[in-house]
């Protein structure tokens, strides 16, 4: 399972497109808010087989 942390996206603070590895992610305000609450939490990366666009899936809080 591939996950992405806030550190992986350079602590992005504004919604919009960001790069992670070879994928493009579209961060939403609520995604950033989750990271502000739990900076070490991670989102599951949901990949498309046909496009370089990926989506953020389930949030896994830090332990």
PDB file of N, CA and C in Angstrom:
ATOM      1  N   UNK A   1       0.850  -1.176   0.000  1.00  0.00           N
ATOM      2  CA  UNK A   1       0.000   0.000   0.000  1.00  0.00           C
ATOM      3  C   UNK A   1       0.896   1.239   0.000  1.00  0.00           C
ATOM      4  N   UNK A   2       0.648   2.120  -0.922  1.00  0.00           N
ATOM      5  CA  UNK A   2       1.402   3.360  -1.037  1.00  0.00           C
ATOM      6  C   UNK A   2       0.663   4.453  -0.280  1.00  0.00           C
ATOM      7  N   UNK A   3       1.390   5.171   0.591  1.00  0.00           N
ATOM      8  CA  UNK A   3       0.794   6.263   1.343  1.00  0.00           C
ATOM      9  C   UNK A   3       1.583   7.546   1.116  1.00  0.00           C
ATOM     10  N   UNK A   4       0.946   8.663   1.458  1.00  0.00           N
ATOM     11  CA  UNK A   4       1.582   9.968   1.288  1.00  0.00           C
ATOM     12  C   UNK A   4       1.430  10.757   2.592  1.00  0.00           C
ATOM     13  N   UNK A   5       2.513  11.370   3.005  1.00  0.00           N
ATOM     14  CA  UNK A   5       2.499  12.185   4.218  1.00  0.00           C
ATOM     15  C   UNK A   5       2.529  13.660   3.833  1.00  0.00           C
ATOM     16  N   UNK A   6       2.300  14.511   4.810  1.00  0.00           N
ATOM     17  CA  UNK A   6       2.350  15.948   4.575  1.00  0.00           C
ATOM     18  C   UNK A   6       3.762  16.358   4.178  1.00  0.00           C
ATOM     19  N   UNK A   7       4.748  15.714   4.771  1.00  0.00           N
ATOM     20  CA  UNK A   7       6.146  15.974   4.415  1.00  0.00           C
ATOM     21  C   UNK A   7       6.401  15.653   2.940  1.00  0.00           C
ATOM     22  N   UNK A   8       5.760  14.586   2.435  1.00  0.00           N
ATOM     23  CA  UNK A   8       5.948  14.183   1.031  1.00  0.00           C
ATOM     24  C   UNK A   8       5.495  15.256   0.043  1.00  0.00           C
ATOM     25  N   UNK A   9       4.575  16.113   0.464  1.00  0.00           N
ATOM     26  CA  UNK A   9       4.081  17.178  -0.414  1.00  0.00           C
ATOM     27  C   UNK A   9       4.553  18.545   0.073  1.00  0.00           C
ATOM     28  N   UNK A  10       5.716  18.567   0.722  1.00  0.00           N
ATOM     29  CA  UNK A  10       6.390  19.796   1.166  1.00  0.00           C
ATOM     30  C   UNK A  10       5.500  20.667   2.058  1.00  0.00           C
ATOM     31  N   UNK A  11       4.720  20.001   2.921  1.00  0.00           N
ATOM     32  CA  UNK A  11       3.840  20.714   3.858  1.00  0.00           C
ATOM     33  C   UNK A  11       2.964  21.758   3.142  1.00  0.00           C
ATOM     34  N   UNK A  12       2.375  21.348   2.032  1.00  0.00           N
ATOM     35  CA  UNK A  12       1.508  22.246   1.255  1.00  0.00           C
ATOM     36  C   UNK A  12       0.444  22.858   2.159  1.00  0.00           C
ATOM     37  N   UNK A  13       0.224  24.146   2.006  1.00  0.00           N
ATOM     38  CA  UNK A  13      -0.740  24.857   2.848  1.00  0.00           C
ATOM     39  C   UNK A  13      -1.949  25.378   2.072  1.00  0.00           C
ATOM     40  N   UNK A  14      -1.909  25.258   0.764  1.00  0.00           N
ATOM     41  CA  UNK A  14      -3.037  25.725  -0.046  1.00  0.00           C
ATOM     42  C   UNK A  14      -3.544  24.577  -0.913  1.00  0.00           C
ATOM     43  N   UNK A  15      -4.853  24.515  -1.126  1.00  0.00           N
ATOM     44  CA  UNK A  15      -5.414  23.468  -1.979  1.00  0.00           C
ATOM     45  C   UNK A  15      -4.957  23.640  -3.425  1.00  0.00           C
ATOM     46  N   UNK A  16      -4.971  22.536  -4.146  1.00  0.00           N
ATOM     47  CA  UNK A  16      -4.602  22.567  -5.555  1.00  0.00           C
ATOM     48  C   UNK A  16      -3.673  21.433  -5.902  1.00  0.00           C
ATOM     49  N   UNK A  17      -3.166  21.429  -7.116  1.00  0.00           N
ATOM     50  CA  UNK A  17      -2.326  20.324  -7.583  1.00  0.00           C
ATOM     51  C   UNK A  17      -0.930  20.364  -6.962  1.00  0.00           C
ATOM     52  N   UNK A  18      -0.443  19.178  -6.600  1.00  0.00           N
ATOM     53  CA  UNK A  18       0.929  18.997  -6.121  1.00  0.00           C
ATOM     54  C   UNK A  18       1.477  17.723  -6.754  1.00  0.00           C
ATOM     55  N   UNK A  19       2.779  17.604  -6.772  1.00  0.00           N
ATOM     56  CA  UNK A  19       3.419  16.400  -7.304  1.00  0.00           C
ATOM     57  C   UNK A  19       3.881  15.510  -6.165  1.00  0.00           C
ATOM     58  N   UNK A  20       3.717  14.218  -6.359  1.00  0.00           N
ATOM     59  CA  UNK A  20       4.227  13.209  -5.441  1.00  0.00           C
ATOM     60  C   UNK A  20       4.733  12.061  -6.289  1.00  0.00           C
ATOM     61  N   UNK A  21       6.048  11.854  -6.255  1.00  0.00           N
ATOM     62  CA  UNK A  21       6.702  10.871  -7.131  1.00  0.00           C
ATOM     63  C   UNK A  21       6.314  11.192  -8.569  1.00  0.00           C
ATOM     64  N   UNK A  22       5.799  10.222  -9.297  1.00  0.00           N
ATOM     65  CA  UNK A  22       5.425  10.489 -10.691  1.00  0.00           C
ATOM     66  C   UNK A  22       3.935  10.817 -10.839  1.00  0.00           C
ATOM     67  N   UNK A  23       3.269  11.087  -9.723  1.00  0.00           N
ATOM     68  CA  UNK A  23       1.827  11.317  -9.733  1.00  0.00           C
ATOM     69  C   UNK A  23       1.491  12.785  -9.476  1.00  0.00           C
ATOM     70  N   UNK A  24       0.319  13.164  -9.903  1.00  0.00           N
ATOM     71  CA  UNK A  24      -0.228  14.480  -9.605  1.00  0.00           C
ATOM     72  C   UNK A  24      -1.391  14.271  -8.642  1.00  0.00           C
ATOM     73  N   UNK A  25      -1.403  15.044  -7.560  1.00  0.00           N
ATOM     74  CA  UNK A  25      -2.470  14.970  -6.568  1.00  0.00           C
ATOM     75  C   UNK A  25      -3.182  16.316  -6.523  1.00  0.00           C
ATOM     76  N   UNK A  26      -4.474  16.296  -6.338  1.00  0.00           N
ATOM     77  CA  UNK A  26      -5.231  17.535  -6.179  1.00  0.00           C
ATOM     78  C   UNK A  26      -5.640  17.616  -4.709  1.00  0.00           C
ATOM     79  N   UNK A  27      -4.883  18.388  -3.918  1.00  0.00           N
ATOM     80  CA  UNK A  27      -5.177  18.525  -2.493  1.00  0.00           C
ATOM     81  C   UNK A  27      -6.398  19.397  -2.282  1.00  0.00           C
ATOM     82  N   UNK A  28      -7.226  18.965  -1.340  1.00  0.00           N
ATOM     83  CA  UNK A  28      -8.410  19.740  -0.966  1.00  0.00           C
ATOM     84  C   UNK A  28      -8.171  20.405   0.387  1.00  0.00           C
ATOM     85  N   UNK A  29      -8.947  21.406   0.691  1.00  0.00           N
ATOM     86  CA  UNK A  29      -8.840  22.107   1.973  1.00  0.00           C
ATOM     87  C   UNK A  29      -8.971  21.137   3.136  1.00  0.00           C
ATOM     88  N   UNK A  30      -9.890  20.187   3.036  1.00  0.00           N
ATOM     89  CA  UNK A  30     -10.107  19.237   4.133  1.00  0.00           C
ATOM     90  C   UNK A  30      -8.930  18.260   4.301  1.00  0.00           C
ATOM     91  N   UNK A  31      -8.224  17.959   3.210  1.00  0.00           N
ATOM     92  CA  UNK A  31      -7.029  17.108   3.319  1.00  0.00           C
ATOM     93  C   UNK A  31      -5.946  17.821   4.130  1.00  0.00           C
ATOM     94  N   UNK A  32      -5.737  19.086   3.806  1.00  0.00           N
ATOM     95  CA  UNK A  32      -4.727  19.877   4.511  1.00  0.00           C
ATOM     96  C   UNK A  32      -5.123  20.040   5.981  1.00  0.00           C
ATOM     97  N   UNK A  33      -6.414  20.243   6.242  1.00  0.00           N
ATOM     98  CA  UNK A  33      -6.889  20.387   7.619  1.00  0.00           C
ATOM     99  C   UNK A  33      -6.595  19.127   8.434  1.00  0.00           C
ATOM    100  N   UNK A  34      -6.743  17.948   7.826  1.00  0.00           N
ATOM    101  CA  UNK A  34      -6.417  16.694   8.531  1.00  0.00           C
ATOM    102  C   UNK A  34      -4.944  16.658   8.908  1.00  0.00           C
ATOM    103  N   UNK A  35      -4.082  17.089   7.991  1.00  0.00           N
ATOM    104  CA  UNK A  35      -2.651  17.110   8.277  1.00  0.00           C
ATOM    105  C   UNK A  35      -2.306  18.149   9.333  1.00  0.00           C
ATOM    106  N   UNK A  36      -2.997  19.280   9.353  1.00  0.00           N
ATOM    107  CA  UNK A  36      -2.740  20.286  10.385  1.00  0.00           C
ATOM    108  C   UNK A  36      -3.059  19.695  11.759  1.00  0.00           C
ATOM    109  N   UNK A  37      -4.139  18.934  11.851  1.00  0.00           N
ATOM    110  CA  UNK A  37      -4.525  18.277  13.101  1.00  0.00           C
ATOM    111  C   UNK A  37      -3.573  17.147  13.477  1.00  0.00           C
ATOM    112  N   UNK A  38      -3.065  16.434  12.492  1.00  0.00           N
ATOM    113  CA  UNK A  38      -2.187  15.280  12.724  1.00  0.00           C
ATOM    114  C   UNK A  38      -1.078  15.289  11.667  1.00  0.00           C
ATOM    115  N   UNK A  39      -0.026  16.082  11.891  1.00  0.00           N
ATOM    116  CA  UNK A  39       1.020  16.265  10.875  1.00  0.00           C
ATOM    117  C   UNK A  39       1.756  14.980  10.473  1.00  0.00           C
ATOM    118  N   UNK A  40       1.709  13.953  11.324  1.00  0.00           N
ATOM    119  CA  UNK A  40       2.395  12.701  10.992  1.00  0.00           C
ATOM    120  C   UNK A  40       1.457  11.644  10.418  1.00  0.00           C
ATOM    121  N   UNK A  41       0.180  12.000  10.241  1.00  0.00           N
ATOM    122  CA  UNK A  41      -0.766  11.069   9.624  1.00  0.00           C
ATOM    123  C   UNK A  41      -0.465  10.897   8.140  1.00  0.00           C
ATOM    124  N   UNK A  42      -1.037   9.842   7.557  1.00  0.00           N
ATOM    125  CA  UNK A  42      -0.782   9.547   6.147  1.00  0.00           C
ATOM    126  C   UNK A  42      -2.105   9.212   5.456  1.00  0.00           C
ATOM    127  N   UNK A  43      -2.182   9.556   4.182  1.00  0.00           N
ATOM    128  CA  UNK A  43      -3.318   9.169   3.347  1.00  0.00           C
ATOM    129  C   UNK A  43      -2.900   8.005   2.458  1.00  0.00           C
ATOM    130  N   UNK A  44      -3.835   7.082   2.241  1.00  0.00           N
ATOM    131  CA  UNK A  44      -3.616   6.030   1.250  1.00  0.00           C
ATOM    132  C   UNK A  44      -3.695   6.685  -0.123  1.00  0.00           C
ATOM    133  N   UNK A  45      -2.802   6.302  -1.007  1.00  0.00           N
ATOM    134  CA  UNK A  45      -2.795   6.826  -2.366  1.00  0.00           C
ATOM    135  C   UNK A  45      -3.578   5.867  -3.258  1.00  0.00           C
ATOM    136  N   UNK A  46      -4.612   6.378  -3.897  1.00  0.00           N
ATOM    137  CA  UNK A  46      -5.447   5.586  -4.797  1.00  0.00           C
ATOM    138  C   UNK A  46      -4.997   5.910  -6.219  1.00  0.00           C
ATOM    139  N   UNK A  47      -4.447   4.914  -6.887  1.00  0.00           N
ATOM    140  CA  UNK A  47      -3.842   5.113  -8.203  1.00  0.00           C
ATOM    141  C   UNK A  47      -4.783   4.731  -9.329  1.00  0.00           C
ATOM    142  N   UNK A  48      -4.626   5.421 -10.442  1.00  0.00           N
ATOM    143  CA  UNK A  48      -5.345   5.095 -11.671  1.00  0.00           C
ATOM    144  C   UNK A  48      -4.391   4.305 -12.567  1.00  0.00           C
ATOM    145  N   UNK A  49      -4.890   3.271 -13.190  1.00  0.00           N
ATOM    146  CA  UNK A  49      -4.040   2.466 -14.076  1.00  0.00           C
ATOM    147  C   UNK A  49      -3.767   3.161 -15.402  1.00  0.00           C
ATOM    148  N   UNK A  50      -4.601   4.137 -15.734  1.00  0.00           N
ATOM    149  CA  UNK A  50      -4.484   4.753 -17.060  1.00  0.00           C
ATOM    150  C   UNK A  50      -4.002   6.196 -17.045  1.00  0.00           C
ATOM    151  N   UNK A  51      -3.958   6.835 -15.861  1.00  0.00           N
ATOM    152  CA  UNK A  51      -3.578   8.247 -15.795  1.00  0.00           C
ATOM    153  C   UNK A  51      -2.564   8.484 -14.684  1.00  0.00           C
ATOM    154  N   UNK A  52      -1.754   9.526 -14.810  1.00  0.00           N
ATOM    155  CA  UNK A  52      -0.804   9.854 -13.742  1.00  0.00           C
ATOM    156  C   UNK A  52      -1.456  10.595 -12.579  1.00  0.00           C
ATOM    157  N   UNK A  53      -2.769  10.756 -12.640  1.00  0.00           N
ATOM    158  CA  UNK A  53      -3.501  11.421 -11.562  1.00  0.00           C
ATOM    159  C   UNK A  53      -3.796  10.396 -10.469  1.00  0.00           C
ATOM    160  N   UNK A  54      -3.548  10.757  -9.214  1.00  0.00           N
ATOM    161  CA  UNK A  54      -3.855   9.896  -8.077  1.00  0.00           C
ATOM    162  C   UNK A  54      -4.787  10.645  -7.142  1.00  0.00           C
ATOM    163  N   UNK A  55      -5.512   9.901  -6.321  1.00  0.00           N
ATOM    164  CA  UNK A  55      -6.437  10.485  -5.354  1.00  0.00           C
ATOM    165  C   UNK A  55      -5.994  10.097  -3.947  1.00  0.00           C
ATOM    166  N   UNK A  56      -6.333  10.939  -2.987  1.00  0.00           N
ATOM    167  CA  UNK A  56      -6.092  10.586  -1.596  1.00  0.00           C
ATOM    168  C   UNK A  56      -7.275   9.773  -1.106  1.00  0.00           C
ATOM    169  N   UNK A  57      -6.968   8.655  -0.469  1.00  0.00           N
ATOM    170  CA  UNK A  57      -8.001   7.782   0.046  1.00  0.00           C
ATOM    171  C   UNK A  57      -8.110   7.904   1.560  1.00  0.00           C
ATOM    172  N   UNK A  58      -8.216   6.777   2.232  1.00  0.00           N
ATOM    173  CA  UNK A  58      -8.385   6.738   3.682  1.00  0.00           C
ATOM    174  C   UNK A  58      -7.230   7.406   4.408  1.00  0.00           C
ATOM    175  N   UNK A  59      -7.532   8.109   5.496  1.00  0.00           N
ATOM    176  CA  UNK A  59      -6.511   8.758   6.321  1.00  0.00           C
ATOM    177  C   UNK A  59      -6.129   7.819   7.451  1.00  0.00           C
ATOM    178  N   UNK A  60      -4.841   7.637   7.643  1.00  0.00           N
ATOM    179  CA  UNK A  60      -4.308   6.805   8.709  1.00  0.00           C
ATOM    180  C   UNK A  60      -3.623   7.712   9.735  1.00  0.00           C
ATOM    181  N   UNK A  61      -4.228   7.876  10.920  1.00  0.00           N
ATOM    182  CA  UNK A  61      -3.628   8.772  11.909  1.00  0.00           C
ATOM    183  C   UNK A  61      -2.289   8.229  12.417  1.00  0.00           C
ATOM    184  N   UNK A  62      -1.473   9.151  12.935  1.00  0.00           N
ATOM    185  CA  UNK A  62      -0.196   8.728  13.499  1.00  0.00           C
ATOM    186  C   UNK A  62      -0.454   7.958  14.796  1.00  0.00           C
ATOM    187  N   UNK A  63       0.520   7.184  15.171  1.00  0.00           N
ATOM    188  CA  UNK A  63       0.351   6.378  16.397  1.00  0.00           C
ATOM    189  C   UNK A  63       0.843   7.108  17.612  1.00  0.00           C
TER     190      UNK A  63
END
